[in-house]
Amino acid sequence: MKKGELRKIYREKRAALGQSEMSKLQDLLLIRFQQVPLPFITVLHRFMPAQGKNEVDTEPLANWLNFSNPGLVQLVPKVNTSTNDLHHYLLKDDTILILNEWGIPEPENGPEIAPEEIDLVLIPLLAFDQTGHRVGYGKGYYDRFLATCRPDCIKTGLSFFPPADNITDTNTFDIAMDFCITPDRIYEF
């Protein structure tokens, strides 16, 4: 299927999830995530879920990583709409988060960290396929960002649903993931 078709299908699937079902899927996804054979992580980039879009909540995963990787530094992105780039800011207790135009919390303040410092990226997505390609929201922010990360940076998608068979319109700018975690399974690419 093409990305546009998959966006429509998976937006509808996510919209149909009730709160209790989402809570169960979130718990199962955390259990699966804890089974991923990760090295010691020093710097984590995690997305903040958009309000009202039934996205995976990265906070429980980050909390677990913080426990298992003492001294973990957490970063959250902020979109620069004039350059279409993501910038990565240190997330601390005093970081002020404000909603952007898409309902995504973004840091208002804090030090910016270079992509080359990041060990693990938790990637938002609507759908993914058996080869590790993903369908995002269509702006290409994460593909541009992932292209600037170190080759050993672990790129991990998070989905409540299993993969689609094949995304037929991938291109050379699409960056494949190393893992995608679902409530039922860990996919390694």
N, C-alpha and C. Protein backbone atom coordinates (compact mmCIF):
# COMPACT_ATOMS: atom_id res chain seq x y z
N MET A 1 0.83 -1.19 0.00
CA MET A 1 0.00 0.00 0.00
C MET A 1 0.87 1.25 0.00
N LYS A 2 0.30 2.33 -0.45
CA LYS A 2 1.01 3.61 -0.46
C LYS A 2 0.83 4.31 0.89
N LYS A 3 1.76 5.23 1.17
CA LYS A 3 1.77 5.92 2.45
C LYS A 3 0.46 6.64 2.73
N GLY A 4 -0.10 7.31 1.74
CA GLY A 4 -1.35 8.04 1.94
C GLY A 4 -2.49 7.13 2.37
N GLU A 5 -2.58 5.96 1.75
CA GLU A 5 -3.62 4.99 2.12
C GLU A 5 -3.41 4.50 3.55
N LEU A 6 -2.15 4.19 3.87
CA LEU A 6 -1.85 3.69 5.21
C LEU A 6 -2.12 4.76 6.27
N ARG A 7 -1.81 6.01 5.98
CA ARG A 7 -2.10 7.10 6.93
C ARG A 7 -3.59 7.11 7.27
N LYS A 8 -4.42 7.05 6.26
CA LYS A 8 -5.87 7.09 6.47
C LYS A 8 -6.34 5.90 7.31
N ILE A 9 -5.91 4.70 6.93
CA ILE A 9 -6.33 3.48 7.63
C ILE A 9 -5.90 3.51 9.10
N TYR A 10 -4.63 3.85 9.33
CA TYR A 10 -4.11 3.77 10.70
C TYR A 10 -4.56 4.95 11.57
N ARG A 11 -4.85 6.07 10.98
CA ARG A 11 -5.47 7.16 11.77
C ARG A 11 -6.83 6.70 12.27
N GLU A 12 -7.60 6.04 11.40
CA GLU A 12 -8.92 5.54 11.79
C GLU A 12 -8.80 4.46 12.85
N LYS A 13 -7.83 3.56 12.70
CA LYS A 13 -7.63 2.50 13.70
C LYS A 13 -7.31 3.09 15.07
N ARG A 14 -6.43 4.09 15.08
CA ARG A 14 -6.06 4.69 16.36
C ARG A 14 -7.24 5.46 16.96
N ALA A 15 -7.99 6.16 16.12
CA ALA A 15 -9.14 6.93 16.61
C ALA A 15 -10.19 6.02 17.24
N ALA A 16 -10.26 4.77 16.78
CA ALA A 16 -11.26 3.83 17.28
C ALA A 16 -10.88 3.22 18.63
N LEU A 17 -9.66 3.44 19.09
CA LEU A 17 -9.23 2.86 20.37
C LEU A 17 -9.89 3.59 21.53
N GLY A 18 -10.47 2.81 22.42
CA GLY A 18 -11.03 3.38 23.65
C GLY A 18 -9.95 3.55 24.69
N GLN A 19 -10.25 4.30 25.74
CA GLN A 19 -9.25 4.59 26.77
C GLN A 19 -8.76 3.33 27.47
N SER A 20 -9.65 2.40 27.82
CA SER A 20 -9.21 1.18 28.52
C SER A 20 -8.37 0.30 27.60
N GLU A 21 -8.73 0.24 26.32
CA GLU A 21 -7.94 -0.54 25.37
C GLU A 21 -6.55 0.08 25.19
N MET A 22 -6.51 1.41 25.10
CA MET A 22 -5.22 2.10 24.97
C MET A 22 -4.34 1.84 26.18
N SER A 23 -4.92 1.87 27.35
CA SER A 23 -4.16 1.63 28.58
C SER A 23 -3.56 0.23 28.58
N LYS A 24 -4.35 -0.74 28.16
CA LYS A 24 -3.87 -2.13 28.09
C LYS A 24 -2.75 -2.26 27.06
N LEU A 25 -2.94 -1.68 25.88
CA LEU A 25 -1.92 -1.74 24.83
C LEU A 25 -0.64 -1.05 25.28
N GLN A 26 -0.78 0.07 25.96
CA GLN A 26 0.38 0.81 26.47
C GLN A 26 1.17 -0.06 27.46
N ASP A 27 0.47 -0.74 28.37
CA ASP A 27 1.14 -1.61 29.34
C ASP A 27 1.87 -2.76 28.65
N LEU A 28 1.22 -3.38 27.67
CA LEU A 28 1.84 -4.48 26.94
C LEU A 28 3.06 -4.00 26.14
N LEU A 29 2.95 -2.81 25.57
CA LEU A 29 4.07 -2.26 24.81
C LEU A 29 5.27 -2.01 25.73
N LEU A 30 5.04 -1.53 26.92
CA LEU A 30 6.12 -1.32 27.88
C LEU A 30 6.79 -2.65 28.22
N ILE A 31 6.01 -3.69 28.43
CA ILE A 31 6.58 -5.02 28.73
C ILE A 31 7.46 -5.49 27.58
N ARG A 32 6.99 -5.33 26.35
CA ARG A 32 7.80 -5.71 25.18
C ARG A 32 9.07 -4.86 25.09
N PHE A 33 8.92 -3.56 25.32
CA PHE A 33 10.07 -2.66 25.24
C PHE A 33 11.16 -3.09 26.22
N GLN A 34 10.76 -3.54 27.40
CA GLN A 34 11.73 -3.97 28.42
C GLN A 34 12.50 -5.21 27.98
N GLN A 35 12.03 -5.90 26.94
CA GLN A 35 12.70 -7.10 26.44
C GLN A 35 13.67 -6.83 25.30
N VAL A 36 13.74 -5.60 24.82
CA VAL A 36 14.65 -5.26 23.73
C VAL A 36 16.09 -5.29 24.26
N PRO A 37 16.99 -5.97 23.56
CA PRO A 37 18.38 -6.06 24.03
C PRO A 37 19.16 -4.77 23.75
N LEU A 38 18.95 -3.78 24.58
CA LEU A 38 19.61 -2.48 24.39
C LEU A 38 20.93 -2.43 25.16
N PRO A 39 21.92 -1.74 24.61
CA PRO A 39 23.13 -1.46 25.39
C PRO A 39 22.82 -0.37 26.41
N PHE A 40 23.81 0.02 27.18
CA PHE A 40 23.63 1.13 28.11
C PHE A 40 23.36 2.39 27.30
N ILE A 41 22.32 3.10 27.66
CA ILE A 41 21.90 4.30 26.93
C ILE A 41 22.24 5.52 27.78
N THR A 42 22.91 6.48 27.17
CA THR A 42 23.26 7.72 27.87
C THR A 42 22.32 8.86 27.49
N VAL A 43 21.98 8.95 26.17
CA VAL A 43 21.13 10.04 25.69
C VAL A 43 19.95 9.46 24.91
N LEU A 44 18.76 9.77 25.37
CA LEU A 44 17.51 9.31 24.77
C LEU A 44 16.77 10.48 24.14
N HIS A 45 16.35 10.31 22.90
CA HIS A 45 15.43 11.25 22.26
C HIS A 45 14.06 10.57 22.26
N ARG A 46 13.07 11.25 22.81
CA ARG A 46 11.71 10.69 22.80
C ARG A 46 10.72 11.73 22.33
N PHE A 47 9.76 11.29 21.56
CA PHE A 47 8.72 12.21 21.11
C PHE A 47 7.69 12.40 22.20
N MET A 48 7.01 13.50 22.14
CA MET A 48 5.91 13.78 23.05
C MET A 48 4.63 13.50 22.26
N PRO A 49 3.71 12.70 22.81
CA PRO A 49 2.50 12.37 22.05
C PRO A 49 1.59 13.58 21.82
N ALA A 50 1.04 13.64 20.62
CA ALA A 50 0.09 14.71 20.28
C ALA A 50 -1.21 14.48 21.03
N GLN A 51 -1.79 15.55 21.51
CA GLN A 51 -3.04 15.44 22.25
C GLN A 51 -4.17 14.99 21.32
N GLY A 52 -4.95 14.02 21.81
CA GLY A 52 -6.14 13.58 21.10
C GLY A 52 -5.88 12.69 19.89
N LYS A 53 -4.65 12.19 19.71
CA LYS A 53 -4.36 11.36 18.54
C LYS A 53 -4.07 9.91 18.89
N ASN A 54 -4.27 9.54 20.16
CA ASN A 54 -4.07 8.17 20.61
C ASN A 54 -2.69 7.62 20.24
N GLU A 55 -1.67 8.45 20.42
CA GLU A 55 -0.29 8.02 20.18
C GLU A 55 0.24 7.28 21.40
N VAL A 56 1.27 6.49 21.19
CA VAL A 56 1.97 5.83 22.29
C VAL A 56 2.53 6.91 23.21
N ASP A 57 2.39 6.70 24.50
CA ASP A 57 2.96 7.60 25.50
C ASP A 57 4.38 7.12 25.80
N THR A 58 5.37 7.95 25.53
CA THR A 58 6.77 7.54 25.72
C THR A 58 7.25 7.69 27.16
N GLU A 59 6.48 8.34 28.00
CA GLU A 59 6.94 8.58 29.36
C GLU A 59 7.19 7.30 30.16
N PRO A 60 6.30 6.30 30.14
CA PRO A 60 6.60 5.06 30.88
C PRO A 60 7.87 4.37 30.38
N LEU A 61 8.12 4.41 29.08
CA LEU A 61 9.33 3.81 28.53
C LEU A 61 10.56 4.58 28.99
N ALA A 62 10.47 5.91 28.95
CA ALA A 62 11.58 6.75 29.39
C ALA A 62 11.85 6.55 30.88
N ASN A 63 10.79 6.41 31.68
CA ASN A 63 10.97 6.18 33.11
C ASN A 63 11.71 4.87 33.37
N TRP A 64 11.33 3.83 32.62
CA TRP A 64 12.01 2.54 32.77
C TRP A 64 13.48 2.66 32.34
N LEU A 65 13.73 3.34 31.22
CA LEU A 65 15.11 3.53 30.76
C LEU A 65 15.91 4.33 31.78
N ASN A 66 15.29 5.32 32.39
CA ASN A 66 15.96 6.13 33.41
C ASN A 66 16.36 5.26 34.59
N PHE A 67 15.51 4.33 34.98
CA PHE A 67 15.80 3.42 36.09
C PHE A 67 16.94 2.47 35.72
N SER A 68 16.93 1.94 34.50
CA SER A 68 17.92 0.93 34.09
C SER A 68 19.20 1.53 33.53
N ASN A 69 19.22 2.84 33.29
CA ASN A 69 20.40 3.55 32.77
C ASN A 69 20.64 4.79 33.62
N PRO A 70 21.20 4.62 34.82
CA PRO A 70 21.40 5.77 35.71
C PRO A 70 22.14 6.91 35.01
N GLY A 71 21.65 8.12 35.23
CA GLY A 71 22.26 9.29 34.61
C GLY A 71 21.74 9.57 33.21
N LEU A 72 20.72 8.86 32.78
CA LEU A 72 20.16 9.04 31.44
C LEU A 72 19.76 10.50 31.21
N VAL A 73 20.12 11.00 30.05
CA VAL A 73 19.71 12.33 29.62
C VAL A 73 18.57 12.15 28.62
N GLN A 74 17.47 12.88 28.84
CA GLN A 74 16.32 12.79 27.95
C GLN A 74 16.17 14.07 27.15
N LEU A 75 15.92 13.89 25.86
CA LEU A 75 15.69 15.01 24.96
C LEU A 75 14.30 14.91 24.36
N VAL A 76 13.70 16.05 24.09
CA VAL A 76 12.43 16.11 23.36
C VAL A 76 12.58 17.09 22.21
N PRO A 77 11.85 16.85 21.12
CA PRO A 77 12.03 17.68 19.93
C PRO A 77 11.16 18.93 19.92
N LYS A 78 11.63 19.87 19.13
CA LYS A 78 10.86 21.06 18.81
C LYS A 78 11.01 21.29 17.32
N VAL A 79 9.90 21.52 16.62
CA VAL A 79 9.92 21.73 15.18
C VAL A 79 10.27 23.18 14.86
N ASN A 80 11.19 23.34 13.94
CA ASN A 80 11.46 24.66 13.38
C ASN A 80 10.75 24.69 12.03
N THR A 81 9.59 25.33 11.98
CA THR A 81 8.77 25.30 10.76
C THR A 81 9.39 26.10 9.61
N SER A 82 10.30 27.01 9.91
CA SER A 82 10.91 27.78 8.81
C SER A 82 11.97 26.95 8.08
N THR A 83 12.60 25.99 8.78
CA THR A 83 13.61 25.14 8.14
C THR A 83 13.14 23.69 7.97
N ASN A 84 11.98 23.36 8.54
CA ASN A 84 11.44 21.99 8.53
C ASN A 84 12.39 21.00 9.19
N ASP A 85 13.06 21.43 10.25
CA ASP A 85 13.97 20.59 11.00
C ASP A 85 13.47 20.40 12.43
N LEU A 86 13.94 19.32 13.05
CA LEU A 86 13.71 19.11 14.48
C LEU A 86 14.95 19.57 15.23
N HIS A 87 14.73 20.23 16.36
CA HIS A 87 15.80 20.58 17.28
C HIS A 87 15.51 19.82 18.57
N HIS A 88 16.55 19.49 19.31
CA HIS A 88 16.44 18.55 20.43
C HIS A 88 16.89 19.23 21.71
N TYR A 89 15.97 19.28 22.67
CA TYR A 89 16.21 20.02 23.90
C TYR A 89 16.19 19.09 25.10
N LEU A 90 17.08 19.40 26.03
CA LEU A 90 17.17 18.66 27.28
C LEU A 90 15.85 18.78 28.04
N LEU A 91 15.32 17.64 28.46
CA LEU A 91 14.08 17.62 29.23
C LEU A 91 14.45 17.46 30.70
N LYS A 92 14.10 18.47 31.50
CA LYS A 92 14.36 18.45 32.94
C LYS A 92 13.04 18.74 33.65
N ASP A 93 13.08 18.65 34.97
CA ASP A 93 11.87 18.91 35.76
C ASP A 93 11.33 20.32 35.55
N ASP A 94 12.22 21.28 35.28
CA ASP A 94 11.77 22.66 35.13
C ASP A 94 11.56 23.08 33.67
N THR A 95 11.63 22.12 32.74
CA THR A 95 11.39 22.44 31.34
C THR A 95 9.93 22.82 31.15
N ILE A 96 9.71 23.93 30.50
CA ILE A 96 8.35 24.39 30.21
C ILE A 96 7.95 23.82 28.85
N LEU A 97 6.82 23.12 28.81
CA LEU A 97 6.31 22.55 27.57
C LEU A 97 5.07 23.32 27.14
N ILE A 98 5.02 23.70 25.87
CA ILE A 98 3.85 24.38 25.33
C ILE A 98 3.38 23.62 24.10
N LEU A 99 2.08 23.66 23.82
CA LEU A 99 1.53 22.95 22.68
C LEU A 99 1.81 23.71 21.39
N ASN A 100 2.30 22.98 20.38
CA ASN A 100 2.50 23.61 19.07
C ASN A 100 1.19 23.56 18.28
N GLU A 101 1.24 23.95 17.02
CA GLU A 101 0.02 24.02 16.20
C GLU A 101 -0.63 22.66 15.96
N TRP A 102 0.09 21.57 16.18
CA TRP A 102 -0.45 20.22 15.98
C TRP A 102 -0.86 19.55 17.30
N GLY A 103 -0.81 20.31 18.41
CA GLY A 103 -1.18 19.76 19.71
C GLY A 103 -0.09 18.91 20.34
N ILE A 104 1.16 19.12 19.93
CA ILE A 104 2.29 18.37 20.46
C ILE A 104 3.03 19.25 21.46
N PRO A 105 3.25 18.75 22.69
CA PRO A 105 4.03 19.53 23.65
C PRO A 105 5.48 19.67 23.18
N GLU A 106 5.97 20.91 23.21
CA GLU A 106 7.36 21.19 22.82
C GLU A 106 8.02 22.02 23.91
N PRO A 107 9.34 21.88 24.06
CA PRO A 107 10.04 22.66 25.08
C PRO A 107 10.11 24.14 24.70
N GLU A 108 9.83 24.97 25.67
CA GLU A 108 9.95 26.42 25.45
C GLU A 108 11.36 26.90 25.76
N ASN A 109 12.05 26.14 26.60
CA ASN A 109 13.37 26.56 27.06
C ASN A 109 14.29 25.36 27.20
N GLY A 110 15.51 25.62 27.56
CA GLY A 110 16.46 24.55 27.83
C GLY A 110 17.57 24.49 26.82
N PRO A 111 18.64 23.78 27.18
CA PRO A 111 19.77 23.66 26.25
C PRO A 111 19.46 22.71 25.09
N GLU A 112 19.96 23.09 23.92
CA GLU A 112 19.80 22.26 22.73
C GLU A 112 20.98 21.28 22.66
N ILE A 113 20.69 20.04 22.27
CA ILE A 113 21.69 18.98 22.16
C ILE A 113 21.77 18.53 20.71
N ALA A 114 22.98 18.29 20.22
CA ALA A 114 23.21 17.89 18.83
C ALA A 114 22.76 16.44 18.60
N PRO A 115 22.23 16.12 17.42
CA PRO A 115 21.79 14.75 17.11
C PRO A 115 22.90 13.71 17.26
N GLU A 116 24.14 14.11 17.05
CA GLU A 116 25.26 13.17 17.14
C GLU A 116 25.45 12.63 18.55
N GLU A 117 24.86 13.27 19.54
CA GLU A 117 24.98 12.84 20.93
C GLU A 117 23.99 11.73 21.30
N ILE A 118 22.99 11.50 20.47
CA ILE A 118 21.86 10.64 20.81
C ILE A 118 22.20 9.16 20.59
N ASP A 119 21.87 8.33 21.60
CA ASP A 119 22.09 6.89 21.53
C ASP A 119 20.85 6.13 21.06
N LEU A 120 19.67 6.61 21.46
CA LEU A 120 18.41 5.92 21.17
C LEU A 120 17.35 6.95 20.83
N VAL A 121 16.63 6.70 19.73
CA VAL A 121 15.52 7.57 19.33
C VAL A 121 14.24 6.75 19.37
N LEU A 122 13.24 7.24 20.09
CA LEU A 122 11.90 6.67 20.05
C LEU A 122 11.13 7.46 19.01
N ILE A 123 10.67 6.77 17.97
CA ILE A 123 10.13 7.41 16.77
C ILE A 123 8.62 7.27 16.71
N PRO A 124 7.91 8.39 16.49
CA PRO A 124 6.46 8.29 16.29
C PRO A 124 6.16 7.77 14.89
N LEU A 125 5.04 7.10 14.76
CA LEU A 125 4.63 6.61 13.45
C LEU A 125 3.15 6.30 13.45
N LEU A 126 2.59 6.24 12.25
CA LEU A 126 1.22 5.77 12.08
C LEU A 126 1.20 4.30 11.71
N ALA A 127 2.14 3.89 10.85
CA ALA A 127 2.22 2.51 10.40
C ALA A 127 3.66 2.19 10.06
N PHE A 128 3.97 0.90 9.94
CA PHE A 128 5.29 0.46 9.51
C PHE A 128 5.13 -0.84 8.74
N ASP A 129 6.20 -1.24 8.03
CA ASP A 129 6.11 -2.48 7.27
C ASP A 129 7.16 -3.48 7.72
N GLN A 130 7.18 -4.63 7.06
CA GLN A 130 8.05 -5.75 7.44
C GLN A 130 9.53 -5.46 7.22
N THR A 131 9.86 -4.37 6.51
CA THR A 131 11.26 -4.05 6.25
C THR A 131 11.78 -2.92 7.14
N GLY A 132 10.94 -2.43 8.04
CA GLY A 132 11.38 -1.39 8.97
C GLY A 132 11.13 0.03 8.50
N HIS A 133 10.43 0.18 7.38
CA HIS A 133 10.06 1.53 6.94
C HIS A 133 8.78 1.95 7.65
N ARG A 134 8.65 3.25 7.83
CA ARG A 134 7.51 3.75 8.60
C ARG A 134 6.74 4.79 7.80
N VAL A 135 5.52 4.96 8.22
CA VAL A 135 4.68 6.04 7.70
C VAL A 135 4.44 6.98 8.86
N GLY A 136 4.92 8.21 8.69
CA GLY A 136 4.69 9.24 9.69
C GLY A 136 3.53 10.11 9.25
N TYR A 137 3.59 11.36 9.64
CA TYR A 137 2.50 12.27 9.31
C TYR A 137 2.72 13.01 7.99
N GLY A 138 3.85 12.75 7.32
CA GLY A 138 4.02 13.24 5.97
C GLY A 138 4.91 14.46 5.78
N LYS A 139 5.46 14.99 6.84
CA LYS A 139 6.30 16.19 6.72
C LYS A 139 7.78 15.87 6.58
N GLY A 140 8.19 14.64 6.92
CA GLY A 140 9.58 14.23 6.77
C GLY A 140 10.52 14.70 7.87
N TYR A 141 9.98 15.23 8.97
CA TYR A 141 10.83 15.74 10.05
C TYR A 141 11.77 14.66 10.59
N TYR A 142 11.21 13.49 10.88
CA TYR A 142 12.03 12.44 11.49
C TYR A 142 13.03 11.84 10.51
N ASP A 143 12.67 11.69 9.24
CA ASP A 143 13.65 11.17 8.28
C ASP A 143 14.84 12.11 8.15
N ARG A 144 14.59 13.41 8.10
CA ARG A 144 15.69 14.37 8.02
C ARG A 144 16.55 14.32 9.29
N PHE A 145 15.89 14.22 10.44
CA PHE A 145 16.61 14.13 11.71
C PHE A 145 17.43 12.85 11.80
N LEU A 146 16.83 11.70 11.49
CA LEU A 146 17.53 10.43 11.61
C LEU A 146 18.75 10.36 10.70
N ALA A 147 18.71 11.05 9.58
CA ALA A 147 19.85 11.07 8.66
C ALA A 147 21.06 11.77 9.29
N THR A 148 20.84 12.58 10.33
CA THR A 148 21.94 13.31 10.98
C THR A 148 22.47 12.59 12.22
N CYS A 149 21.83 11.49 12.61
CA CYS A 149 22.27 10.75 13.79
C CYS A 149 23.48 9.87 13.46
N ARG A 150 24.20 9.46 14.49
CA ARG A 150 25.32 8.54 14.31
C ARG A 150 24.82 7.22 13.72
N PRO A 151 25.65 6.51 12.99
CA PRO A 151 25.23 5.21 12.43
C PRO A 151 24.83 4.19 13.50
N ASP A 152 25.41 4.28 14.71
CA ASP A 152 25.07 3.32 15.76
C ASP A 152 23.90 3.77 16.64
N CYS A 153 23.31 4.90 16.33
CA CYS A 153 22.12 5.34 17.06
C CYS A 153 21.00 4.33 16.80
N ILE A 154 20.32 3.91 17.84
CA ILE A 154 19.28 2.89 17.73
C ILE A 154 17.95 3.58 17.44
N LYS A 155 17.39 3.28 16.28
CA LYS A 155 16.14 3.90 15.82
C LYS A 155 14.99 2.94 16.10
N THR A 156 14.10 3.33 17.01
CA THR A 156 13.06 2.44 17.49
C THR A 156 11.68 3.07 17.35
N GLY A 157 10.84 2.44 16.55
CA GLY A 157 9.46 2.88 16.40
C GLY A 157 8.57 2.24 17.44
N LEU A 158 7.43 2.86 17.67
CA LEU A 158 6.45 2.37 18.65
C LEU A 158 5.08 2.38 18.00
N SER A 159 4.41 1.22 18.04
CA SER A 159 3.11 1.12 17.39
C SER A 159 2.18 0.22 18.20
N PHE A 160 0.90 0.58 18.23
CA PHE A 160 -0.10 -0.27 18.86
C PHE A 160 -0.54 -1.41 17.93
N PHE A 161 -0.11 -1.36 16.66
CA PHE A 161 -0.60 -2.30 15.65
C PHE A 161 0.55 -3.05 14.98
N PRO A 162 0.28 -4.25 14.46
CA PRO A 162 1.31 -4.99 13.72
C PRO A 162 1.62 -4.31 12.38
N PRO A 163 2.68 -4.75 11.70
CA PRO A 163 3.09 -4.08 10.46
C PRO A 163 2.14 -4.33 9.30
N ALA A 164 2.16 -3.39 8.37
CA ALA A 164 1.53 -3.59 7.07
C ALA A 164 2.48 -4.49 6.27
N ASP A 165 1.98 -5.11 5.22
CA ASP A 165 2.83 -6.00 4.43
C ASP A 165 4.00 -5.24 3.80
N ASN A 166 3.70 -4.16 3.10
CA ASN A 166 4.74 -3.47 2.36
C ASN A 166 4.29 -2.04 2.05
N ILE A 167 5.18 -1.09 2.32
CA ILE A 167 4.94 0.29 1.90
C ILE A 167 5.54 0.41 0.51
N THR A 168 4.70 0.65 -0.48
CA THR A 168 5.15 0.58 -1.88
C THR A 168 5.80 1.84 -2.40
N ASP A 169 5.66 2.95 -1.69
CA ASP A 169 6.22 4.20 -2.22
C ASP A 169 7.30 4.79 -1.31
N THR A 170 8.18 3.92 -0.76
CA THR A 170 9.33 4.43 -0.03
C THR A 170 10.30 5.06 -1.01
N ASN A 171 11.17 5.93 -0.51
CA ASN A 171 12.17 6.55 -1.37
C ASN A 171 13.52 6.58 -0.68
N THR A 172 14.51 7.10 -1.33
CA THR A 172 15.88 7.08 -0.80
C THR A 172 16.04 7.94 0.45
N PHE A 173 15.11 8.85 0.71
CA PHE A 173 15.20 9.70 1.90
C PHE A 173 14.59 9.04 3.13
N ASP A 174 13.84 7.96 2.94
CA ASP A 174 13.22 7.26 4.07
C ASP A 174 14.28 6.47 4.83
N ILE A 175 14.34 6.67 6.14
CA ILE A 175 15.31 5.98 6.98
C ILE A 175 14.59 4.83 7.68
N ALA A 176 15.09 3.62 7.49
CA ALA A 176 14.50 2.44 8.12
C ALA A 176 14.84 2.42 9.61
N MET A 177 13.97 1.80 10.38
CA MET A 177 14.17 1.65 11.82
C MET A 177 15.02 0.41 12.09
N ASP A 178 15.61 0.36 13.29
CA ASP A 178 16.31 -0.84 13.74
C ASP A 178 15.33 -1.79 14.42
N PHE A 179 14.38 -1.23 15.15
CA PHE A 179 13.35 -2.00 15.85
C PHE A 179 12.01 -1.28 15.71
N CYS A 180 10.94 -2.04 15.83
CA CYS A 180 9.63 -1.46 16.09
C CYS A 180 8.98 -2.33 17.15
N ILE A 181 8.48 -1.70 18.18
CA ILE A 181 7.89 -2.40 19.31
C ILE A 181 6.37 -2.25 19.24
N THR A 182 5.69 -3.38 19.34
CA THR A 182 4.23 -3.39 19.42
C THR A 182 3.84 -4.11 20.71
N PRO A 183 2.59 -4.08 21.10
CA PRO A 183 2.18 -4.82 22.30
C PRO A 183 2.41 -6.33 22.19
N ASP A 184 2.42 -6.86 20.96
CA ASP A 184 2.52 -8.30 20.76
C ASP A 184 3.92 -8.80 20.44
N ARG A 185 4.80 -7.91 19.94
CA ARG A 185 6.05 -8.42 19.41
C ARG A 185 7.09 -7.32 19.26
N ILE A 186 8.35 -7.74 19.27
CA ILE A 186 9.48 -6.88 18.93
C ILE A 186 9.88 -7.23 17.51
N TYR A 187 9.89 -6.24 16.63
CA TYR A 187 10.33 -6.43 15.25
C TYR A 187 11.73 -5.86 15.13
N GLU A 188 12.65 -6.67 14.64
CA GLU A 188 14.03 -6.24 14.45
C GLU A 188 14.33 -6.26 12.95
N PHE A 189 14.94 -5.19 12.45
CA PHE A 189 15.18 -5.07 11.01
C PHE A 189 16.68 -5.05 10.72
